[in-house]
Amino acid sequence: NLLEHTVRIKEFHPCFKEAREYSLYQKKWF
């Protein structure tokens, strides 16, 4: 079963909004 993490699919990016804003480290990672 071949996969992608959802962070690599543009349509899922709204789900990461709060995580991105949590810290500078997480913003740079995202």
All heavy atoms as atom14 arrays in JSON, in Angstrom:
{
  "sequence": "NLLEHTVRIKEFHPCFKEAREYSLYQKKWF",
  "atom14_mask": [
    [1, 1, 1, 1, 1, 1, 1, 1, 0, 0, 0, 0, 0, 0],
    [1, 1, 1, 1, 1, 1, 1, 1, 0, 0, 0, 0, 0, 0],
    [1, 1, 1, 1, 1, 1, 1, 1, 0, 0, 0, 0, 0, 0],
    [1, 1, 1, 1, 1, 1, 1, 1, 1, 0, 0, 0, 0, 0],
    [1, 1, 1, 1, 1, 1, 1, 1, 1, 1, 0, 0, 0, 0],
    [1, 1, 1, 1, 1, 1, 1, 0, 0, 0, 0, 0, 0, 0],
    [1, 1, 1, 1, 1, 1, 1, 0, 0, 0, 0, 0, 0, 0],
    [1, 1, 1, 1, 1, 1, 1, 1, 1, 1, 1, 0, 0, 0],
    [1, 1, 1, 1, 1, 1, 1, 1, 0, 0, 0, 0, 0, 0],
    [1, 1, 1, 1, 1, 1, 1, 1, 1, 0, 0, 0, 0, 0],
    [1, 1, 1, 1, 1, 1, 1, 1, 1, 0, 0, 0, 0, 0],
    [1, 1, 1, 1, 1, 1, 1, 1, 1, 1, 1, 0, 0, 0],
    [1, 1, 1, 1, 1, 1, 1, 1, 1, 1, 0, 0, 0, 0],
    [1, 1, 1, 1, 1, 1, 1, 0, 0, 0, 0, 0, 0, 0],
    [1, 1, 1, 1, 1, 1, 0, 0, 0, 0, 0, 0, 0, 0],
    [1, 1, 1, 1, 1, 1, 1, 1, 1, 1, 1, 0, 0, 0],
    [1, 1, 1, 1, 1, 1, 1, 1, 1, 0, 0, 0, 0, 0],
    [1, 1, 1, 1, 1, 1, 1, 1, 1, 0, 0, 0, 0, 0],
    [1, 1, 1, 1, 1, 0, 0, 0, 0, 0, 0, 0, 0, 0],
    [1, 1, 1, 1, 1, 1, 1, 1, 1, 1, 1, 0, 0, 0],
    [1, 1, 1, 1, 1, 1, 1, 1, 1, 0, 0, 0, 0, 0],
    [1, 1, 1, 1, 1, 1, 1, 1, 1, 1, 1, 1, 0, 0],
    [1, 1, 1, 1, 1, 1, 0, 0, 0, 0, 0, 0, 0, 0],
    [1, 1, 1, 1, 1, 1, 1, 1, 0, 0, 0, 0, 0, 0],
    [1, 1, 1, 1, 1, 1, 1, 1, 1, 1, 1, 1, 0, 0],
    [1, 1, 1, 1, 1, 1, 1, 1, 1, 0, 0, 0, 0, 0],
    [1, 1, 1, 1, 1, 1, 1, 1, 1, 0, 0, 0, 0, 0],
    [1, 1, 1, 1, 1, 1, 1, 1, 1, 0, 0, 0, 0, 0],
    [1, 1, 1, 1, 1, 1, 1, 1, 1, 1, 1, 1, 1, 1],
    [1, 1, 1, 1, 1, 1, 1, 1, 1, 1, 1, 0, 0, 0]
  ],
  "atom14_positions": [
    [[0.86, -1.18, 0.0], [0.0, 0.0, 0.0], [0.89, 1.23, 0.0], [1.59, 1.51, 0.98], [-0.9, 0.0, 1.23], [-1.92, 1.12, 1.2], [-2.57, 1.34, 0.19], [-2.06, 1.82, 2.31], [0.0, 0.0, 0.0], [0.0, 0.0, 0.0], [0.0, 0.0, 0.0], [0.0, 0.0, 0.0], [0.0, 0.0, 0.0], [0.0, 0.0, 0.0]],
    [[0.89, 1.95, -1.13], [1.73, 3.13, -1.29], [0.98, 4.36, -0.8], [-0.21, 4.51, -1.05], [2.13, 3.28, -2.76], [2.86, 2.07, -3.36], [3.15, 2.29, -4.83], [4.15, 1.79, -2.61], [0.0, 0.0, 0.0], [0.0, 0.0, 0.0], [0.0, 0.0, 0.0], [0.0, 0.0, 0.0], [0.0, 0.0, 0.0], [0.0, 0.0, 0.0]],
    [[1.71, 5.24, -0.12], [1.08, 6.34, 0.6], [1.76, 7.68, 0.35], [2.92, 7.74, -0.02], [1.18, 6.1, 2.11], [0.58, 4.85, 2.73], [1.11, 4.69, 4.14], [-0.92, 4.96, 2.75], [0.0, 0.0, 0.0], [0.0, 0.0, 0.0], [0.0, 0.0, 0.0], [0.0, 0.0, 0.0], [0.0, 0.0, 0.0], [0.0, 0.0, 0.0]],
    [[0.98, 8.71, 0.62], [1.52, 10.05, 0.83], [1.06, 10.53, 2.21], [-0.05, 10.22, 2.66], [1.0, 11.02, -0.23], [1.72, 10.95, -1.56], [3.08, 11.64, -1.55], [3.8, 11.53, -0.54], [3.41, 12.28, -2.56], [0.0, 0.0, 0.0], [0.0, 0.0, 0.0], [0.0, 0.0, 0.0], [0.0, 0.0, 0.0], [0.0, 0.0, 0.0]],
    [[1.93, 11.28, 2.88], [1.51, 12.04, 4.05], [0.6, 13.17, 3.57], [0.84, 13.75, 2.51], [2.72, 12.66, 4.77], [3.54, 11.69, 5.54], [3.11, 11.11, 6.71], [4.8, 11.21, 5.33], [4.06, 10.32, 7.19], [5.09, 10.35, 6.37], [0.0, 0.0, 0.0], [0.0, 0.0, 0.0], [0.0, 0.0, 0.0], [0.0, 0.0, 0.0]],
    [[-0.41, 13.5, 4.35], [-1.33, 14.54, 3.88], [-0.69, 15.92, 3.81], [-1.2, 16.79, 3.09], [-2.59, 14.59, 4.77], [-2.21, 14.52, 6.16], [-3.53, 13.46, 4.43], [0.0, 0.0, 0.0], [0.0, 0.0, 0.0], [0.0, 0.0, 0.0], [0.0, 0.0, 0.0], [0.0, 0.0, 0.0], [0.0, 0.0, 0.0], [0.0, 0.0, 0.0]],
    [[0.42, 16.15, 4.5], [1.09, 17.44, 4.36], [1.62, 17.63, 2.94], [1.88, 18.76, 2.5], [2.21, 17.6, 5.4], [3.44, 16.74, 5.03], [2.61, 19.07, 5.58], [0.0, 0.0, 0.0], [0.0, 0.0, 0.0], [0.0, 0.0, 0.0], [0.0, 0.0, 0.0], [0.0, 0.0, 0.0], [0.0, 0.0, 0.0], [0.0, 0.0, 0.0]],
    [[1.75, 16.53, 2.2], [2.24, 16.6, 0.82], [1.1, 16.69, -0.21], [1.34, 16.64, -1.4], [3.11, 15.38, 0.52], [4.48, 15.48, 1.19], [5.33, 14.27, 0.9], [5.32, 13.85, -0.48], [6.07, 14.37, -1.46], [6.87, 15.4, -1.19], [6.0, 13.9, -2.68], [0.0, 0.0, 0.0], [0.0, 0.0, 0.0], [0.0, 0.0, 0.0]],
    [[-0.13, 16.85, 0.27], [-1.28, 17.0, -0.61], [-1.91, 18.37, -0.32], [-2.38, 18.63, 0.79], [-2.3, 15.87, -0.4], [-1.65, 14.51, -0.65], [-3.51, 16.08, -1.3], [-1.21, 14.25, -2.09], [0.0, 0.0, 0.0], [0.0, 0.0, 0.0], [0.0, 0.0, 0.0], [0.0, 0.0, 0.0], [0.0, 0.0, 0.0], [0.0, 0.0, 0.0]],
    [[-1.96, 19.22, -1.32], [-2.35, 20.62, -1.12], [-3.73, 20.77, -0.49], [-3.95, 21.65, 0.35], [-2.31, 21.36, -2.46], [-0.92, 21.48, -3.05], [-0.96, 22.11, -4.43], [0.44, 22.17, -5.04], [0.42, 22.73, -6.43], [0.0, 0.0, 0.0], [0.0, 0.0, 0.0], [0.0, 0.0, 0.0], [0.0, 0.0, 0.0], [0.0, 0.0, 0.0]],
    [[-4.65, 19.93, -0.89], [-6.02, 20.08, -0.39], [-6.14, 19.86, 1.12], [-7.11, 20.31, 1.75], [-6.95, 19.11, -1.12], [-7.27, 19.51, -2.55], [-6.21, 19.12, -3.56], [-5.11, 18.65, -3.16], [-6.47, 19.26, -4.77], [0.0, 0.0, 0.0], [0.0, 0.0, 0.0], [0.0, 0.0, 0.0], [0.0, 0.0, 0.0], [0.0, 0.0, 0.0]],
    [[-5.17, 19.18, 1.72], [-5.19, 18.94, 3.16], [-4.5, 20.06, 3.95], [-4.54, 20.04, 5.19], [-4.52, 17.61, 3.49], [-5.37, 16.41, 3.21], [-5.33, 15.78, 1.98], [-6.24, 15.91, 4.17], [-6.13, 14.67, 1.7], [-7.04, 14.8, 3.92], [-6.99, 14.18, 2.68], [0.0, 0.0, 0.0], [0.0, 0.0, 0.0], [0.0, 0.0, 0.0]],
    [[-3.91, 21.02, 3.29], [-3.14, 22.03, 4.0], [-3.94, 22.87, 5.0], [-3.39, 23.29, 6.03], [-2.4, 22.93, 3.0], [-1.21, 22.26, 2.4], [-0.41, 22.83, 1.44], [-0.67, 21.02, 2.63], [0.56, 21.99, 1.11], [0.42, 20.89, 1.81], [0.0, 0.0, 0.0], [0.0, 0.0, 0.0], [0.0, 0.0, 0.0], [0.0, 0.0, 0.0]],
    [[-5.23, 23.13, 4.75], [-5.99, 23.86, 5.78], [-6.0, 23.17, 7.14], [-6.14, 23.84, 8.18], [-7.39, 23.94, 5.18], [-7.17, 23.92, 3.7], [-6.02, 22.98, 3.51], [0.0, 0.0, 0.0], [0.0, 0.0, 0.0], [0.0, 0.0, 0.0], [0.0, 0.0, 0.0], [0.0, 0.0, 0.0], [0.0, 0.0, 0.0], [0.0, 0.0, 0.0]],
    [[-5.82, 21.86, 7.17], [-5.82, 21.12, 8.43], [-4.6, 21.47, 9.29], [-4.62, 21.25, 10.51], [-5.83, 19.62, 8.17], [-7.26, 19.03, 7.25], [0.0, 0.0, 0.0], [0.0, 0.0, 0.0], [0.0, 0.0, 0.0], [0.0, 0.0, 0.0], [0.0, 0.0, 0.0], [0.0, 0.0, 0.0], [0.0, 0.0, 0.0], [0.0, 0.0, 0.0]],
    [[-3.56, 22.0, 8.67], [-2.31, 22.28, 9.38], [-2.22, 23.74, 9.83], [-1.17, 24.15, 10.33], [-1.12, 21.95, 8.49], [-0.94, 20.48, 8.22], [-1.65, 19.85, 7.21], [-0.08, 19.71, 8.99], [-1.51, 18.49, 6.95], [0.08, 18.35, 8.75], [-0.64, 17.74, 7.73], [0.0, 0.0, 0.0], [0.0, 0.0, 0.0], [0.0, 0.0, 0.0]],
    [[-3.28, 24.51, 9.67], [-3.24, 25.94, 9.96], [-2.78, 26.21, 11.39], [-1.85, 27.0, 11.63], [-4.62, 26.57, 9.73], [-4.69, 28.06, 10.04], [-6.08, 28.6, 9.76], [-6.15, 30.11, 10.02], [-5.91, 30.47, 11.43], [0.0, 0.0, 0.0], [0.0, 0.0, 0.0], [0.0, 0.0, 0.0], [0.0, 0.0, 0.0], [0.0, 0.0, 0.0]],
    [[-3.43, 25.59, 12.37], [-3.09, 25.85, 13.77], [-1.7, 25.3, 14.12], [-0.97, 25.92, 14.9], [-4.14, 25.23, 14.7], [-5.51, 25.85, 14.57], [-6.38, 25.21, 13.49], [-5.85, 24.36, 12.73], [-7.57, 25.55, 13.43], [0.0, 0.0, 0.0], [0.0, 0.0, 0.0], [0.0, 0.0, 0.0], [0.0, 0.0, 0.0], [0.0, 0.0, 0.0]],
    [[-1.34, 24.17, 13.54], [-0.02, 23.6, 13.8], [1.07, 24.52, 13.24], [2.11, 24.72, 13.88], [0.09, 22.21, 13.18], [0.0, 0.0, 0.0], [0.0, 0.0, 0.0], [0.0, 0.0, 0.0], [0.0, 0.0, 0.0], [0.0, 0.0, 0.0], [0.0, 0.0, 0.0], [0.0, 0.0, 0.0], [0.0, 0.0, 0.0], [0.0, 0.0, 0.0]],
    [[0.83, 25.09, 12.09], [1.81, 26.01, 11.5], [2.01, 27.23, 12.38], [3.13, 27.74, 12.52], [1.36, 26.42, 10.1], [2.31, 27.37, 9.38], [1.77, 27.76, 8.02], [2.71, 28.63, 7.31], [2.75, 29.96, 7.47], [1.91, 30.56, 8.29], [3.64, 30.67, 6.78], [0.0, 0.0, 0.0], [0.0, 0.0, 0.0], [0.0, 0.0, 0.0]],
    [[0.92, 27.7, 12.99], [0.99, 28.92, 13.79], [1.5, 28.66, 15.21], [1.72, 29.62, 15.96], [-0.4, 29.56, 13.84], [-0.88, 30.06, 12.48], [-2.34, 30.49, 12.49], [-3.02, 30.25, 13.53], [-2.8, 31.05, 11.48], [0.0, 0.0, 0.0], [0.0, 0.0, 0.0], [0.0, 0.0, 0.0], [0.0, 0.0, 0.0], [0.0, 0.0, 0.0]],
    [[1.7, 27.41, 15.58], [2.05, 27.05, 16.95], [3.43, 27.58, 17.35], [3.62, 28.02, 18.48], [2.0, 25.54, 17.1], [2.12, 25.04, 18.52], [1.0, 24.79, 19.29], [3.37, 24.81, 19.1], [1.1, 24.33, 20.6], [3.48, 24.36, 20.4], [2.35, 24.12, 21.14], [2.47, 23.68, 22.43], [0.0, 0.0, 0.0], [0.0, 0.0, 0.0]],
    [[4.39, 27.51, 16.41], [5.75, 27.95, 16.72], [6.49, 28.26, 15.43], [6.07, 27.85, 14.34], [6.52, 26.87, 17.5], [6.75, 25.74, 16.67], [0.0, 0.0, 0.0], [0.0, 0.0, 0.0], [0.0, 0.0, 0.0], [0.0, 0.0, 0.0], [0.0, 0.0, 0.0], [0.0, 0.0, 0.0], [0.0, 0.0, 0.0], [0.0, 0.0, 0.0]],
    [[7.58, 28.97, 15.57], [8.41, 29.29, 14.4], [8.97, 28.02, 13.79], [9.03, 27.89, 12.55], [9.55, 30.23, 14.81], [10.51, 30.65, 13.68], [9.76, 31.37, 12.56], [11.62, 31.53, 14.24], [0.0, 0.0, 0.0], [0.0, 0.0, 0.0], [0.0, 0.0, 0.0], [0.0, 0.0, 0.0], [0.0, 0.0, 0.0], [0.0, 0.0, 0.0]],
    [[9.39, 27.08, 14.64], [9.91, 25.8, 14.14], [8.87, 25.11, 13.26], [9.18, 24.65, 12.16], [10.3, 24.89, 15.3], [10.66, 23.48, 14.87], [11.95, 23.16, 14.46], [9.69, 22.47, 14.83], [12.27, 21.88, 14.04], [10.0, 21.2, 14.42], [11.29, 20.9, 14.02], [11.6, 19.63, 13.6], [0.0, 0.0, 0.0], [0.0, 0.0, 0.0]],
    [[7.64, 25.04, 13.74], [6.6, 24.33, 12.99], [6.22, 25.1, 11.73], [5.89, 24.49, 10.7], [5.39, 24.08, 13.88], [5.7, 23.04, 14.95], [4.53, 22.7, 15.87], [4.74, 22.07, 16.9], [3.32, 23.11, 15.54], [0.0, 0.0, 0.0], [0.0, 0.0, 0.0], [0.0, 0.0, 0.0], [0.0, 0.0, 0.0], [0.0, 0.0, 0.0]],
    [[6.27, 26.42, 11.76], [6.01, 27.22, 10.56], [7.04, 26.9, 9.48], [6.69, 26.68, 8.32], [6.04, 28.7, 10.9], [5.82, 29.62, 9.7], [5.88, 31.08, 10.14], [5.59, 32.01, 8.96], [6.66, 31.92, 7.91], [0.0, 0.0, 0.0], [0.0, 0.0, 0.0], [0.0, 0.0, 0.0], [0.0, 0.0, 0.0], [0.0, 0.0, 0.0]],
    [[8.31, 26.88, 9.87], [9.37, 26.59, 8.9], [9.24, 25.17, 8.35], [9.43, 24.93, 7.16], [10.74, 26.79, 9.54], [11.08, 28.24, 9.82], [12.46, 28.36, 10.45], [12.83, 29.82, 10.66], [14.19, 29.96, 11.31], [0.0, 0.0, 0.0], [0.0, 0.0, 0.0], [0.0, 0.0, 0.0], [0.0, 0.0, 0.0], [0.0, 0.0, 0.0]],
    [[8.91, 24.23, 9.24], [8.73, 22.84, 8.8], [7.6, 22.72, 7.79], [7.77, 22.13, 6.72], [8.44, 21.95, 10.01], [8.18, 20.52, 9.66], [9.1, 19.52, 9.52], [6.89, 19.93, 9.36], [8.48, 18.35, 9.17], [7.13, 18.56, 9.06], [5.59, 20.4, 9.33], [6.1, 17.68, 8.72], [4.56, 19.53, 8.99], [4.82, 18.2, 8.7]],
    [[6.46, 23.3, 8.12], [5.31, 23.21, 7.22], [5.6, 23.89, 5.89], [5.3, 23.36, 4.82], [4.06, 23.82, 7.86], [2.88, 23.83, 6.92], [2.12, 22.69, 6.74], [2.56, 24.97, 6.2], [1.05, 22.69, 5.86], [1.5, 24.98, 5.32], [0.73, 23.83, 5.15], [0.0, 0.0, 0.0], [0.0, 0.0, 0.0], [0.0, 0.0, 0.0]]
  ]
}
